[in-house]
Amino acid sequence: MLTLYHEDEWVGEIPLWGERPTIPREPDCYQIRGYAVLEGTARPFGNTAHVTVPRKHLGKRVKVVVLEP
């Protein structure tokens, strides 16, 4: 947990990378312009995770939106 201060006054706390927030929150809403919507599941790949997309998207810019907390 990272504690935030402004001019020596406590402002709040935010979770660090990989930590779960202590209070469940509503998902964010994003508006994204694009050419296709694909849904998949992140699979282990070494020390990371990968989402597989069709080969026709090779070399193209993509965005990943996490659907579960």
N, C-alpha and C. Protein backbone atom coordinates (compact mmCIF):
# COMPACT_ATOMS: atom_id res chain seq x y z
N MET A 1 0.85 -1.16 0.00
CA MET A 1 0.00 0.00 0.00
C MET A 1 0.90 1.23 0.00
N LEU A 2 0.55 2.21 -0.81
CA LEU A 2 1.30 3.46 -0.90
C LEU A 2 0.46 4.54 -0.24
N THR A 3 1.03 5.20 0.79
CA THR A 3 0.34 6.27 1.50
C THR A 3 0.68 7.60 0.84
N LEU A 4 -0.34 8.40 0.59
CA LEU A 4 -0.17 9.67 -0.10
C LEU A 4 -0.30 10.82 0.89
N TYR A 5 0.65 11.76 0.81
CA TYR A 5 0.63 12.96 1.62
C TYR A 5 0.77 14.18 0.72
N HIS A 6 0.15 15.29 1.12
CA HIS A 6 0.32 16.57 0.43
C HIS A 6 0.58 17.61 1.48
N GLU A 7 1.75 18.24 1.42
CA GLU A 7 2.17 19.24 2.41
C GLU A 7 2.00 18.69 3.82
N ASP A 8 2.54 17.49 4.05
CA ASP A 8 2.53 16.80 5.34
C ASP A 8 1.14 16.44 5.84
N GLU A 9 0.12 16.48 4.99
CA GLU A 9 -1.23 16.08 5.38
C GLU A 9 -1.60 14.80 4.64
N TRP A 10 -2.13 13.82 5.39
CA TRP A 10 -2.51 12.54 4.81
C TRP A 10 -3.63 12.75 3.80
N VAL A 11 -3.47 12.18 2.59
CA VAL A 11 -4.47 12.31 1.54
C VAL A 11 -5.20 11.00 1.34
N GLY A 12 -4.49 9.88 1.37
CA GLY A 12 -5.12 8.59 1.17
C GLY A 12 -4.10 7.52 0.88
N GLU A 13 -4.58 6.35 0.50
CA GLU A 13 -3.71 5.23 0.17
C GLU A 13 -4.18 4.60 -1.13
N ILE A 14 -3.22 4.10 -1.90
CA ILE A 14 -3.54 3.38 -3.12
C ILE A 14 -2.76 2.07 -3.11
N PRO A 15 -3.34 1.02 -3.70
CA PRO A 15 -2.61 -0.26 -3.72
C PRO A 15 -1.43 -0.20 -4.68
N LEU A 16 -0.37 -0.90 -4.34
CA LEU A 16 0.78 -1.01 -5.22
C LEU A 16 0.50 -2.04 -6.29
N TRP A 17 1.35 -2.10 -7.31
CA TRP A 17 1.19 -3.04 -8.43
C TRP A 17 1.02 -4.45 -7.89
N GLY A 18 0.00 -5.14 -8.35
CA GLY A 18 -0.22 -6.52 -7.97
C GLY A 18 -1.05 -6.71 -6.72
N GLU A 19 -1.27 -5.64 -5.95
CA GLU A 19 -2.09 -5.75 -4.75
C GLU A 19 -3.55 -5.51 -5.11
N ARG A 20 -4.44 -6.19 -4.43
CA ARG A 20 -5.86 -5.97 -4.65
C ARG A 20 -6.34 -4.81 -3.78
N PRO A 21 -7.22 -3.96 -4.31
CA PRO A 21 -7.79 -2.90 -3.46
C PRO A 21 -8.57 -3.52 -2.31
N THR A 22 -8.59 -2.85 -1.17
CA THR A 22 -9.28 -3.40 -0.01
C THR A 22 -10.78 -3.22 -0.12
N ILE A 23 -11.24 -2.21 -0.86
CA ILE A 23 -12.66 -1.96 -1.04
C ILE A 23 -13.01 -2.29 -2.49
N PRO A 24 -13.98 -3.20 -2.73
CA PRO A 24 -14.36 -3.48 -4.12
C PRO A 24 -14.89 -2.22 -4.78
N ARG A 25 -14.56 -2.02 -6.05
CA ARG A 25 -15.02 -0.83 -6.75
C ARG A 25 -15.71 -1.22 -8.03
N GLU A 26 -16.47 -0.31 -8.58
CA GLU A 26 -17.14 -0.53 -9.85
C GLU A 26 -16.11 -0.47 -10.97
N PRO A 27 -16.31 -1.23 -12.05
CA PRO A 27 -15.37 -1.16 -13.16
C PRO A 27 -15.43 0.20 -13.84
N ASP A 28 -14.30 0.62 -14.41
CA ASP A 28 -14.24 1.86 -15.18
C ASP A 28 -14.96 1.66 -16.50
N CYS A 29 -15.34 2.76 -17.13
CA CYS A 29 -16.00 2.70 -18.43
C CYS A 29 -15.10 3.41 -19.44
N TYR A 30 -14.80 2.76 -20.57
CA TYR A 30 -13.93 3.32 -21.59
C TYR A 30 -14.67 3.38 -22.92
N GLN A 31 -14.41 4.42 -23.67
CA GLN A 31 -14.92 4.50 -25.04
C GLN A 31 -13.71 4.42 -25.95
N ILE A 32 -13.66 3.37 -26.78
CA ILE A 32 -12.49 3.11 -27.63
C ILE A 32 -12.96 2.98 -29.07
N ARG A 33 -12.28 3.67 -29.98
CA ARG A 33 -12.58 3.55 -31.41
C ARG A 33 -11.65 2.49 -31.99
N GLY A 34 -12.21 1.55 -32.72
CA GLY A 34 -11.39 0.50 -33.30
C GLY A 34 -12.13 -0.23 -34.41
N TYR A 35 -11.53 -1.30 -34.90
CA TYR A 35 -12.05 -2.05 -36.04
C TYR A 35 -12.61 -3.41 -35.67
N ALA A 36 -12.32 -3.90 -34.48
CA ALA A 36 -12.81 -5.22 -34.07
C ALA A 36 -12.78 -5.30 -32.55
N VAL A 37 -13.64 -6.14 -32.00
CA VAL A 37 -13.61 -6.44 -30.57
C VAL A 37 -13.41 -7.94 -30.45
N LEU A 38 -12.37 -8.34 -29.77
CA LEU A 38 -12.06 -9.75 -29.56
C LEU A 38 -12.06 -10.01 -28.06
N GLU A 39 -12.48 -11.18 -27.65
CA GLU A 39 -12.43 -11.53 -26.24
C GLU A 39 -11.66 -12.82 -26.09
N GLY A 40 -10.76 -12.86 -25.13
CA GLY A 40 -9.96 -14.05 -24.89
C GLY A 40 -9.59 -14.14 -23.43
N THR A 41 -8.76 -15.10 -23.10
CA THR A 41 -8.28 -15.29 -21.74
C THR A 41 -6.76 -15.22 -21.75
N ALA A 42 -6.21 -14.44 -20.83
CA ALA A 42 -4.75 -14.34 -20.72
C ALA A 42 -4.20 -15.68 -20.24
N ARG A 43 -3.19 -16.17 -20.93
CA ARG A 43 -2.56 -17.46 -20.61
C ARG A 43 -1.11 -17.22 -20.18
N PRO A 44 -0.58 -18.09 -19.30
CA PRO A 44 0.81 -17.93 -18.88
C PRO A 44 1.78 -18.03 -20.05
N PHE A 45 2.82 -17.21 -20.01
CA PHE A 45 3.86 -17.22 -21.04
C PHE A 45 5.14 -16.76 -20.37
N GLY A 46 5.96 -17.70 -19.92
CA GLY A 46 7.17 -17.36 -19.16
C GLY A 46 6.79 -16.67 -17.86
N ASN A 47 7.34 -15.47 -17.63
CA ASN A 47 7.01 -14.69 -16.43
C ASN A 47 5.90 -13.68 -16.68
N THR A 48 5.21 -13.78 -17.83
CA THR A 48 4.16 -12.83 -18.18
C THR A 48 2.91 -13.59 -18.58
N ALA A 49 1.95 -12.87 -19.11
CA ALA A 49 0.74 -13.49 -19.66
C ALA A 49 0.51 -12.91 -21.04
N HIS A 50 -0.04 -13.71 -21.93
CA HIS A 50 -0.30 -13.27 -23.30
C HIS A 50 -1.76 -13.54 -23.65
N VAL A 51 -2.32 -12.69 -24.48
CA VAL A 51 -3.64 -12.91 -25.06
C VAL A 51 -3.42 -13.14 -26.54
N THR A 52 -3.93 -14.26 -27.05
CA THR A 52 -3.73 -14.61 -28.45
C THR A 52 -4.77 -13.93 -29.32
N VAL A 53 -4.32 -13.35 -30.43
CA VAL A 53 -5.22 -12.76 -31.43
C VAL A 53 -4.91 -13.40 -32.77
N PRO A 54 -5.83 -13.30 -33.72
CA PRO A 54 -5.57 -13.90 -35.03
C PRO A 54 -4.32 -13.32 -35.70
N ARG A 55 -3.66 -14.13 -36.51
CA ARG A 55 -2.42 -13.74 -37.17
C ARG A 55 -2.60 -12.50 -38.05
N LYS A 56 -3.80 -12.28 -38.58
CA LYS A 56 -4.03 -11.12 -39.45
C LYS A 56 -3.81 -9.80 -38.70
N HIS A 57 -3.76 -9.83 -37.36
CA HIS A 57 -3.51 -8.63 -36.57
C HIS A 57 -2.03 -8.45 -36.23
N LEU A 58 -1.18 -9.32 -36.72
CA LEU A 58 0.25 -9.26 -36.46
C LEU A 58 0.82 -7.91 -36.88
N GLY A 59 1.52 -7.24 -35.99
CA GLY A 59 2.14 -5.95 -36.27
C GLY A 59 1.21 -4.76 -36.12
N LYS A 60 -0.07 -4.99 -35.81
CA LYS A 60 -1.01 -3.90 -35.65
C LYS A 60 -1.11 -3.50 -34.18
N ARG A 61 -1.50 -2.26 -33.94
CA ARG A 61 -1.68 -1.78 -32.57
C ARG A 61 -2.97 -2.36 -32.01
N VAL A 62 -2.92 -2.85 -30.78
CA VAL A 62 -4.10 -3.40 -30.11
C VAL A 62 -4.17 -2.85 -28.70
N LYS A 63 -5.33 -2.95 -28.07
CA LYS A 63 -5.52 -2.57 -26.67
C LYS A 63 -6.13 -3.76 -25.94
N VAL A 64 -5.78 -3.90 -24.68
CA VAL A 64 -6.34 -4.96 -23.86
C VAL A 64 -7.09 -4.30 -22.71
N VAL A 65 -8.35 -4.69 -22.50
CA VAL A 65 -9.15 -4.19 -21.40
C VAL A 65 -9.41 -5.36 -20.47
N VAL A 66 -9.04 -5.22 -19.20
CA VAL A 66 -9.24 -6.28 -18.22
C VAL A 66 -10.70 -6.23 -17.77
N LEU A 67 -11.41 -7.35 -17.92
CA LEU A 67 -12.84 -7.39 -17.63
C LEU A 67 -13.17 -7.86 -16.22
N GLU A 68 -12.22 -8.47 -15.51
CA GLU A 68 -12.46 -8.96 -14.15
C GLU A 68 -11.50 -8.28 -13.19
N PRO A 69 -11.94 -8.04 -11.94
CA PRO A 69 -11.02 -7.40 -10.96
C PRO A 69 -9.88 -8.30 -10.56
